């Protein structure tokens, strides 16, 4: 897996730390471990899939769907990142 340069250079995790490990947990079928590692994994994957599918097949209201998924994902990332520092 790729190392986090932010953690190596600055000494603290970035907002994306844990995504790779969470994705591997998902592939292995360890859904709770994936959520504990990176809670936003369950909103980012549908977001990326929808953007990829929307590239080939245009959907009605696709901009709204992408916007909502992005806002939810960013919110989860910020909240979970904040909890990492508190705990």
PDB file of N, CA and C in Angstrom:
ATOM      1  N   UNK A   1       0.838  -1.187   0.000  1.00  0.00           N
ATOM      2  CA  UNK A   1       0.000   0.000   0.000  1.00  0.00           C
ATOM      3  C   UNK A   1       0.878   1.244   0.000  1.00  0.00           C
ATOM      4  N   UNK A   2       0.310   2.298  -0.518  1.00  0.00           N
ATOM      5  CA  UNK A   2       1.036   3.561  -0.568  1.00  0.00           C
ATOM      6  C   UNK A   2       1.109   4.194   0.815  1.00  0.00           C
ATOM      7  N   UNK A   3       2.274   4.688   1.210  1.00  0.00           N
ATOM      8  CA  UNK A   3       2.373   5.354   2.511  1.00  0.00           C
ATOM      9  C   UNK A   3       1.802   6.773   2.431  1.00  0.00           C
ATOM     10  N   UNK A   4       1.354   7.276   3.559  1.00  0.00           N
ATOM     11  CA  UNK A   4       0.845   8.646   3.629  1.00  0.00           C
ATOM     12  C   UNK A   4       2.036   9.584   3.818  1.00  0.00           C
ATOM     13  N   UNK A   5       2.305  10.378   2.796  1.00  0.00           N
ATOM     14  CA  UNK A   5       3.434  11.309   2.872  1.00  0.00           C
ATOM     15  C   UNK A   5       3.203  12.377   3.928  1.00  0.00           C
ATOM     16  N   UNK A   6       1.956  12.785   4.100  1.00  0.00           N
ATOM     17  CA  UNK A   6       1.641  13.777   5.121  1.00  0.00           C
ATOM     18  C   UNK A   6       2.019  13.260   6.507  1.00  0.00           C
ATOM     19  N   UNK A   7       1.703  12.006   6.778  1.00  0.00           N
ATOM     20  CA  UNK A   7       2.014  11.408   8.079  1.00  0.00           C
ATOM     21  C   UNK A   7       3.518  11.222   8.250  1.00  0.00           C
ATOM     22  N   UNK A   8       4.208  10.853   7.172  1.00  0.00           N
ATOM     23  CA  UNK A   8       5.652  10.647   7.263  1.00  0.00           C
ATOM     24  C   UNK A   8       6.402  11.961   7.443  1.00  0.00           C
ATOM     25  N   UNK A   9       5.975  12.994   6.736  1.00  0.00           N
ATOM     26  CA  UNK A   9       6.699  14.263   6.778  1.00  0.00           C
ATOM     27  C   UNK A   9       6.278  15.129   7.961  1.00  0.00           C
ATOM     28  N   UNK A  10       4.961  15.285   8.138  1.00  0.00           N
ATOM     29  CA  UNK A  10       4.461  16.196   9.168  1.00  0.00           C
ATOM     30  C   UNK A  10       4.125  15.515  10.486  1.00  0.00           C
ATOM     31  N   UNK A  11       3.949  14.202  10.461  1.00  0.00           N
ATOM     32  CA  UNK A  11       3.715  13.469  11.694  1.00  0.00           C
ATOM     33  C   UNK A  11       2.258  13.278  12.080  1.00  0.00           C
ATOM     34  N   UNK A  12       1.318  13.727  11.269  1.00  0.00           N
ATOM     35  CA  UNK A  12      -0.094  13.471  11.575  1.00  0.00           C
ATOM     36  C   UNK A  12      -0.822  13.056  10.305  1.00  0.00           C
ATOM     37  N   UNK A  13      -1.943  12.360  10.514  1.00  0.00           N
ATOM     38  CA  UNK A  13      -2.680  11.780   9.391  1.00  0.00           C
ATOM     39  C   UNK A  13      -3.405  12.841   8.574  1.00  0.00           C
ATOM     40  N   UNK A  14      -3.584  12.555   7.299  1.00  0.00           N
ATOM     41  CA  UNK A  14      -4.358  13.443   6.420  1.00  0.00           C
ATOM     42  C   UNK A  14      -5.821  13.006   6.420  1.00  0.00           C
ATOM     43  N   UNK A  15      -6.657  13.718   5.695  1.00  0.00           N
ATOM     44  CA  UNK A  15      -8.083  13.388   5.636  1.00  0.00           C
ATOM     45  C   UNK A  15      -8.355  12.078   4.903  1.00  0.00           C
ATOM     46  N   UNK A  16      -7.419  11.613   4.116  1.00  0.00           N
ATOM     47  CA  UNK A  16      -7.608  10.383   3.356  1.00  0.00           C
ATOM     48  C   UNK A  16      -6.975   9.151   3.974  1.00  0.00           C
ATOM     49  N   UNK A  17      -6.298   9.319   5.096  1.00  0.00           N
ATOM     50  CA  UNK A  17      -5.644   8.170   5.729  1.00  0.00           C
ATOM     51  C   UNK A  17      -6.676   7.124   6.127  1.00  0.00           C
ATOM     52  N   UNK A  18      -6.431   5.910   5.733  1.00  0.00           N
ATOM     53  CA  UNK A  18      -7.305   4.796   6.050  1.00  0.00           C
ATOM     54  C   UNK A  18      -8.159   4.338   4.888  1.00  0.00           C
ATOM     55  N   UNK A  19      -8.236   5.128   3.817  1.00  0.00           N
ATOM     56  CA  UNK A  19      -9.089   4.755   2.692  1.00  0.00           C
ATOM     57  C   UNK A  19      -8.623   3.456   2.035  1.00  0.00           C
ATOM     58  N   UNK A  20      -7.331   3.318   1.802  1.00  0.00           N
ATOM     59  CA  UNK A  20      -6.815   2.111   1.154  1.00  0.00           C
ATOM     60  C   UNK A  20      -7.101   0.867   1.990  1.00  0.00           C
ATOM     61  N   UNK A  21      -6.828   0.967   3.280  1.00  0.00           N
ATOM     62  CA  UNK A  21      -7.064  -0.184   4.164  1.00  0.00           C
ATOM     63  C   UNK A  21      -8.553  -0.505   4.250  1.00  0.00           C
ATOM     64  N   UNK A  22      -9.399   0.527   4.302  1.00  0.00           N
ATOM     65  CA  UNK A  22     -10.838   0.305   4.350  1.00  0.00           C
ATOM     66  C   UNK A  22     -11.318  -0.372   3.070  1.00  0.00           C
ATOM     67  N   UNK A  23     -10.779   0.044   1.936  1.00  0.00           N
ATOM     68  CA  UNK A  23     -11.154  -0.567   0.665  1.00  0.00           C
ATOM     69  C   UNK A  23     -10.756  -2.043   0.636  1.00  0.00           C
ATOM     70  N   UNK A  24      -9.572  -2.357   1.159  1.00  0.00           N
ATOM     71  CA  UNK A  24      -9.147  -3.761   1.224  1.00  0.00           C
ATOM     72  C   UNK A  24     -10.038  -4.570   2.156  1.00  0.00           C
ATOM     73  N   UNK A  25     -10.448  -3.968   3.280  1.00  0.00           N
ATOM     74  CA  UNK A  25     -11.386  -4.649   4.170  1.00  0.00           C
ATOM     75  C   UNK A  25     -12.705  -4.938   3.453  1.00  0.00           C
ATOM     76  N   UNK A  26     -13.179  -3.994   2.640  1.00  0.00           N
ATOM     77  CA  UNK A  26     -14.410  -4.211   1.877  1.00  0.00           C
ATOM     78  C   UNK A  26     -14.268  -5.372   0.912  1.00  0.00           C
ATOM     79  N   UNK A  27     -13.146  -5.425   0.226  1.00  0.00           N
ATOM     80  CA  UNK A  27     -12.907  -6.510  -0.728  1.00  0.00           C
ATOM     81  C   UNK A  27     -12.893  -7.858  -0.015  1.00  0.00           C
ATOM     82  N   UNK A  28     -12.338  -7.888   1.210  1.00  0.00           N
ATOM     83  CA  UNK A  28     -12.297  -9.127   1.989  1.00  0.00           C
ATOM     84  C   UNK A  28     -13.638  -9.469   2.637  1.00  0.00           C
ATOM     85  N   UNK A  29     -14.588  -8.530   2.593  1.00  0.00           N
ATOM     86  CA  UNK A  29     -15.891  -8.771   3.193  1.00  0.00           C
ATOM     87  C   UNK A  29     -15.987  -8.367   4.651  1.00  0.00           C
ATOM     88  N   UNK A  30     -15.007  -7.647   5.144  1.00  0.00           N
ATOM     89  CA  UNK A  30     -15.002  -7.196   6.538  1.00  0.00           C
ATOM     90  C   UNK A  30     -15.580  -5.780   6.594  1.00  0.00           C
ATOM     91  N   UNK A  31     -16.923  -5.717   6.558  1.00  0.00           N
ATOM     92  CA  UNK A  31     -17.608  -4.442   6.404  1.00  0.00           C
ATOM     93  C   UNK A  31     -17.512  -3.557   7.640  1.00  0.00           C
ATOM     94  N   UNK A  32     -17.598  -4.135   8.821  1.00  0.00           N
ATOM     95  CA  UNK A  32     -17.490  -3.343  10.043  1.00  0.00           C
ATOM     96  C   UNK A  32     -16.077  -2.793  10.220  1.00  0.00           C
ATOM     97  N   UNK A  33     -15.078  -3.598   9.911  1.00  0.00           N
ATOM     98  CA  UNK A  33     -13.695  -3.137   9.995  1.00  0.00           C
ATOM     99  C   UNK A  33     -13.444  -2.009   9.000  1.00  0.00           C
ATOM    100  N   UNK A  34     -14.047  -2.098   7.828  1.00  0.00           N
ATOM    101  CA  UNK A  34     -13.908  -1.028   6.829  1.00  0.00           C
ATOM    102  C   UNK A  34     -14.524   0.255   7.342  1.00  0.00           C
ATOM    103  N   UNK A  35     -15.694   0.153   7.968  1.00  0.00           N
ATOM    104  CA  UNK A  35     -16.346   1.340   8.511  1.00  0.00           C
ATOM    105  C   UNK A  35     -15.525   1.954   9.635  1.00  0.00           C
ATOM    106  N   UNK A  36     -14.980   1.125  10.506  1.00  0.00           N
ATOM    107  CA  UNK A  36     -14.162   1.635  11.609  1.00  0.00           C
ATOM    108  C   UNK A  36     -12.884   2.299  11.097  1.00  0.00           C
ATOM    109  N   UNK A  37     -12.330   1.776  10.032  1.00  0.00           N
ATOM    110  CA  UNK A  37     -11.101   2.317   9.475  1.00  0.00           C
ATOM    111  C   UNK A  37     -11.341   3.656   8.792  1.00  0.00           C
ATOM    112  N   UNK A  38     -12.412   3.755   7.993  1.00  0.00           N
ATOM    113  CA  UNK A  38     -12.688   4.964   7.218  1.00  0.00           C
ATOM    114  C   UNK A  38     -14.186   5.021   6.927  1.00  0.00           C
ATOM    115  N   UNK A  39     -14.952   5.673   7.795  1.00  0.00           N
ATOM    116  CA  UNK A  39     -16.423   5.659   7.663  1.00  0.00           C
ATOM    117  C   UNK A  39     -16.954   6.179   6.331  1.00  0.00           C
ATOM    118  N   UNK A  40     -16.260   7.072   5.685  1.00  0.00           N
ATOM    119  CA  UNK A  40     -16.749   7.660   4.435  1.00  0.00           C
ATOM    120  C   UNK A  40     -16.630   6.706   3.249  1.00  0.00           C
ATOM    121  N   UNK A  41     -16.092   5.521   3.454  1.00  0.00           N
ATOM    122  CA  UNK A  41     -15.928   4.570   2.355  1.00  0.00           C
ATOM    123  C   UNK A  41     -17.278   4.205   1.746  1.00  0.00           C
ATOM    124  N   UNK A  42     -18.322   4.202   2.577  1.00  0.00           N
ATOM    125  CA  UNK A  42     -19.643   3.799   2.093  1.00  0.00           C
ATOM    126  C   UNK A  42     -20.374   4.898   1.333  1.00  0.00           C
ATOM    127  N   UNK A  43     -19.872   6.100   1.352  1.00  0.00           N
ATOM    128  CA  UNK A  43     -20.442   7.157   0.516  1.00  0.00           C
ATOM    129  C   UNK A  43     -19.519   7.511  -0.648  1.00  0.00           C
ATOM    130  N   UNK A  44     -18.236   7.309  -0.475  1.00  0.00           N
ATOM    131  CA  UNK A  44     -17.293   7.628  -1.551  1.00  0.00           C
ATOM    132  C   UNK A  44     -17.376   6.637  -2.712  1.00  0.00           C
ATOM    133  N   UNK A  45     -17.524   5.378  -2.415  1.00  0.00           N
ATOM    134  CA  UNK A  45     -17.596   4.382  -3.482  1.00  0.00           C
ATOM    135  C   UNK A  45     -18.824   4.601  -4.363  1.00  0.00           C
ATOM    136  N   UNK A  46     -20.032   4.797  -3.792  1.00  0.00           N
ATOM    137  CA  UNK A  46     -21.164   5.115  -4.671  1.00  0.00           C
ATOM    138  C   UNK A  46     -20.966   6.417  -5.448  1.00  0.00           C
ATOM    139  N   UNK A  47     -20.321   7.390  -4.825  1.00  0.00           N
ATOM    140  CA  UNK A  47     -20.042   8.652  -5.516  1.00  0.00           C
ATOM    141  C   UNK A  47     -19.149   8.410  -6.726  1.00  0.00           C
ATOM    142  N   UNK A  48     -18.052   7.691  -6.544  1.00  0.00           N
ATOM    143  CA  UNK A  48     -17.137   7.417  -7.650  1.00  0.00           C
ATOM    144  C   UNK A  48     -17.808   6.571  -8.732  1.00  0.00           C
ATOM    145  N   UNK A  49     -18.589   5.577  -8.317  1.00  0.00           N
ATOM    146  CA  UNK A  49     -19.297   4.736  -9.287  1.00  0.00           C
ATOM    147  C   UNK A  49     -20.310   5.553 -10.088  1.00  0.00           C
ATOM    148  N   UNK A  50     -21.048   6.405  -9.399  1.00  0.00           N
ATOM    149  CA  UNK A  50     -22.048   7.213 -10.093  1.00  0.00           C
ATOM    150  C   UNK A  50     -21.389   8.176 -11.070  1.00  0.00           C
ATOM    151  N   UNK A  51     -20.287   8.795 -10.666  1.00  0.00           N
ATOM    152  CA  UNK A  51     -19.572   9.700 -11.574  1.00  0.00           C
ATOM    153  C   UNK A  51     -19.075   8.927 -12.798  1.00  0.00           C
ATOM    154  N   UNK A  52     -18.538   7.728 -12.585  1.00  0.00           N
ATOM    155  CA  UNK A  52     -18.052   6.912 -13.703  1.00  0.00           C
ATOM    156  C   UNK A  52     -19.160   6.491 -14.648  1.00  0.00           C
ATOM    157  N   UNK A  53     -20.276   6.055 -14.089  1.00  0.00           N
ATOM    158  CA  UNK A  53     -21.411   5.649 -14.933  1.00  0.00           C
ATOM    159  C   UNK A  53     -21.998   6.858 -15.642  1.00  0.00           C
ATOM    160  N   UNK A  54     -22.069   7.985 -14.942  1.00  0.00           N
ATOM    161  CA  UNK A  54     -22.631   9.203 -15.524  1.00  0.00           C
ATOM    162  C   UNK A  54     -21.770   9.736 -16.668  1.00  0.00           C
ATOM    163  N   UNK A  55     -20.522   9.359 -16.695  1.00  0.00           N
ATOM    164  CA  UNK A  55     -19.641   9.766 -17.790  1.00  0.00           C
ATOM    165  C   UNK A  55     -20.109   9.174 -19.118  1.00  0.00           C
ATOM    166  N   UNK A  56     -20.625   7.949 -19.063  1.00  0.00           N
ATOM    167  CA  UNK A  56     -21.078   7.264 -20.277  1.00  0.00           C
ATOM    168  C   UNK A  56     -22.577   7.414 -20.520  1.00  0.00           C
ATOM    169  N   UNK A  57     -23.365   7.397 -19.456  1.00  0.00           N
ATOM    170  CA  UNK A  57     -24.820   7.497 -19.559  1.00  0.00           C
ATOM    171  C   UNK A  57     -25.276   8.696 -18.747  1.00  0.00           C
ATOM    172  N   UNK A  58     -25.824   9.680 -19.400  1.00  0.00           N
ATOM    173  CA  UNK A  58     -26.263  10.895 -18.715  1.00  0.00           C
ATOM    174  C   UNK A  58     -27.608  10.651 -18.033  1.00  0.00           C
ATOM    175  N   UNK A  59     -27.679  11.035 -16.767  1.00  0.00           N
ATOM    176  CA  UNK A  59     -28.893  10.891 -15.980  1.00  0.00           C
ATOM    177  C   UNK A  59     -29.518  12.258 -15.723  1.00  0.00           C
ATOM    178  N   UNK A  60     -30.829  12.238 -15.584  1.00  0.00           N
ATOM    179  CA  UNK A  60     -31.529  13.449 -15.197  1.00  0.00           C
ATOM    180  C   UNK A  60     -31.200  13.731 -13.725  1.00  0.00           C
ATOM    181  N   UNK A  61     -30.933  14.948 -13.387  1.00  0.00           N
ATOM    182  CA  UNK A  61     -30.602  15.383 -12.022  1.00  0.00           C
ATOM    183  C   UNK A  61     -29.270  14.805 -11.527  1.00  0.00           C
ATOM    184  N   UNK A  62     -28.398  14.436 -12.431  1.00  0.00           N
ATOM    185  CA  UNK A  62     -27.128  13.840 -12.001  1.00  0.00           C
ATOM    186  C   UNK A  62     -26.276  14.830 -11.216  1.00  0.00           C
ATOM    187  N   UNK A  63     -26.327  16.104 -11.561  1.00  0.00           N
ATOM    188  CA  UNK A  63     -25.541  17.101 -10.826  1.00  0.00           C
ATOM    189  C   UNK A  63     -25.991  17.201  -9.377  1.00  0.00           C
ATOM    190  N   UNK A  64     -27.296  17.111  -9.143  1.00  0.00           N
ATOM    191  CA  UNK A  64     -27.807  17.164  -7.772  1.00  0.00           C
ATOM    192  C   UNK A  64     -27.383  15.930  -6.985  1.00  0.00           C
ATOM    193  N   UNK A  65     -27.447  14.777  -7.623  1.00  0.00           N
ATOM    194  CA  UNK A  65     -27.062  13.534  -6.947  1.00  0.00           C
ATOM    195  C   UNK A  65     -25.587  13.564  -6.584  1.00  0.00           C
ATOM    196  N   UNK A  66     -24.744  13.991  -7.514  1.00  0.00           N
ATOM    197  CA  UNK A  66     -23.307  14.081  -7.252  1.00  0.00           C
ATOM    198  C   UNK A  66     -23.034  15.089  -6.144  1.00  0.00           C
ATOM    199  N   UNK A  67     -23.715  16.204  -6.181  1.00  0.00           N
ATOM    200  CA  UNK A  67     -23.526  17.237  -5.170  1.00  0.00           C
ATOM    201  C   UNK A  67     -23.910  16.727  -3.780  1.00  0.00           C
ATOM    202  N   UNK A  68     -25.032  16.041  -3.679  1.00  0.00           N
ATOM    203  CA  UNK A  68     -25.473  15.511  -2.382  1.00  0.00           C
ATOM    204  C   UNK A  68     -24.508  14.452  -1.867  1.00  0.00           C
ATOM    205  N   UNK A  69     -24.111  13.518  -2.730  1.00  0.00           N
ATOM    206  CA  UNK A  69     -23.152  12.487  -2.306  1.00  0.00           C
ATOM    207  C   UNK A  69     -21.818  13.099  -1.889  1.00  0.00           C
ATOM    208  N   UNK A  70     -21.375  14.124  -2.594  1.00  0.00           N
ATOM    209  CA  UNK A  70     -20.110  14.779  -2.252  1.00  0.00           C
ATOM    210  C   UNK A  70     -20.209  15.498  -0.913  1.00  0.00           C
ATOM    211  N   UNK A  71     -21.303  16.196  -0.674  1.00  0.00           N
ATOM    212  CA  UNK A  71     -21.473  16.905   0.598  1.00  0.00           C
ATOM    213  C   UNK A  71     -21.543  15.931   1.769  1.00  0.00           C
ATOM    214  N   UNK A  72     -22.281  14.840   1.596  1.00  0.00           N
ATOM    215  CA  UNK A  72     -22.368  13.834   2.651  1.00  0.00           C
ATOM    216  C   UNK A  72     -20.996  13.214   2.906  1.00  0.00           C
ATOM    217  N   UNK A  73     -20.272  12.890   1.856  1.00  0.00           N
ATOM    218  CA  UNK A  73     -18.944  12.288   1.998  1.00  0.00           C
ATOM    219  C   UNK A  73     -17.980  13.227   2.708  1.00  0.00           C
ATOM    220  N   UNK A  74     -17.944  14.475   2.288  1.00  0.00           N
ATOM    221  CA  UNK A  74     -17.041  15.442   2.902  1.00  0.00           C
ATOM    222  C   UNK A  74     -17.402  15.658   4.369  1.00  0.00           C
ATOM    223  N   UNK A  75     -18.685  15.692   4.668  1.00  0.00           N
ATOM    224  CA  UNK A  75     -19.114  15.857   6.061  1.00  0.00           C
ATOM    225  C   UNK A  75     -18.653  14.687   6.919  1.00  0.00           C
ATOM    226  N   UNK A  76     -18.825  13.476   6.424  1.00  0.00           N
ATOM    227  CA  UNK A  76     -18.394  12.296   7.166  1.00  0.00           C
ATOM    228  C   UNK A  76     -16.881  12.300   7.350  1.00  0.00           C
ATOM    229  N   UNK A  77     -16.149  12.667   6.320  1.00  0.00           N
ATOM    230  CA  UNK A  77     -14.684  12.715   6.409  1.00  0.00           C
ATOM    231  C   UNK A  77     -14.246  13.707   7.487  1.00  0.00           C
ATOM    232  N   UNK A  78     -14.837  14.890   7.500  1.00  0.00           N
ATOM    233  CA  UNK A  78     -14.446  15.914   8.472  1.00  0.00           C
ATOM    234  C   UNK A  78     -14.812  15.499   9.893  1.00  0.00           C
ATOM    235  N   UNK A  79     -16.003  14.939  10.078  1.00  0.00           N
ATOM    236  CA  UNK A  79     -16.422  14.507  11.417  1.00  0.00           C
ATOM    237  C   UNK A  79     -15.527  13.372  11.925  1.00  0.00           C
ATOM    238  N   UNK A  80     -15.261  12.381  11.092  1.00  0.00           N
ATOM    239  CA  UNK A  80     -14.423  11.260  11.540  1.00  0.00           C
ATOM    240  C   UNK A  80     -12.982  11.692  11.772  1.00  0.00           C
ATOM    241  N   UNK A  81     -12.489  12.640  10.977  1.00  0.00           N
ATOM    242  CA  UNK A  81     -11.141  13.163  11.165  1.00  0.00           C
ATOM    243  C   UNK A  81     -11.049  13.911  12.492  1.00  0.00           C
ATOM    244  N   UNK A  82     -12.089  14.656  12.817  1.00  0.00           N
ATOM    245  CA  UNK A  82     -12.131  15.391  14.090  1.00  0.00           C
ATOM    246  C   UNK A  82     -12.142  14.411  15.267  1.00  0.00           C
ATOM    247  N   UNK A  83     -12.929  13.330  15.155  1.00  0.00           N
ATOM    248  CA  UNK A  83     -12.975  12.338  16.219  1.00  0.00           C
ATOM    249  C   UNK A  83     -11.634  11.634  16.409  1.00  0.00           C
ATOM    250  N   UNK A  84     -10.866  11.476  15.343  1.00  0.00           N
ATOM    251  CA  UNK A  84      -9.529  10.868  15.479  1.00  0.00           C
ATOM    252  C   UNK A  84      -8.637  11.708  16.392  1.00  0.00           C
ATOM    253  N   UNK A  85      -8.729  13.019  16.245  1.00  0.00           N
ATOM    254  CA  UNK A  85      -7.888  13.888  17.066  1.00  0.00           C
ATOM    255  C   UNK A  85      -8.378  13.987  18.501  1.00  0.00           C
ATOM    256  N   UNK A  86      -9.696  13.898  18.705  1.00  0.00           N
ATOM    257  CA  UNK A  86     -10.256  13.986  20.053  1.00  0.00           C
ATOM    258  C   UNK A  86      -9.919  12.734  20.841  1.00  0.00           C
ATOM    259  N   UNK A  87     -10.016  11.595  20.187  1.00  0.00           N
ATOM    260  CA  UNK A  87      -9.784  10.322  20.900  1.00  0.00           C
ATOM    261  C   UNK A  87      -8.393   9.911  20.744  1.00  0.00           C
TER     262      UNK A  87
END
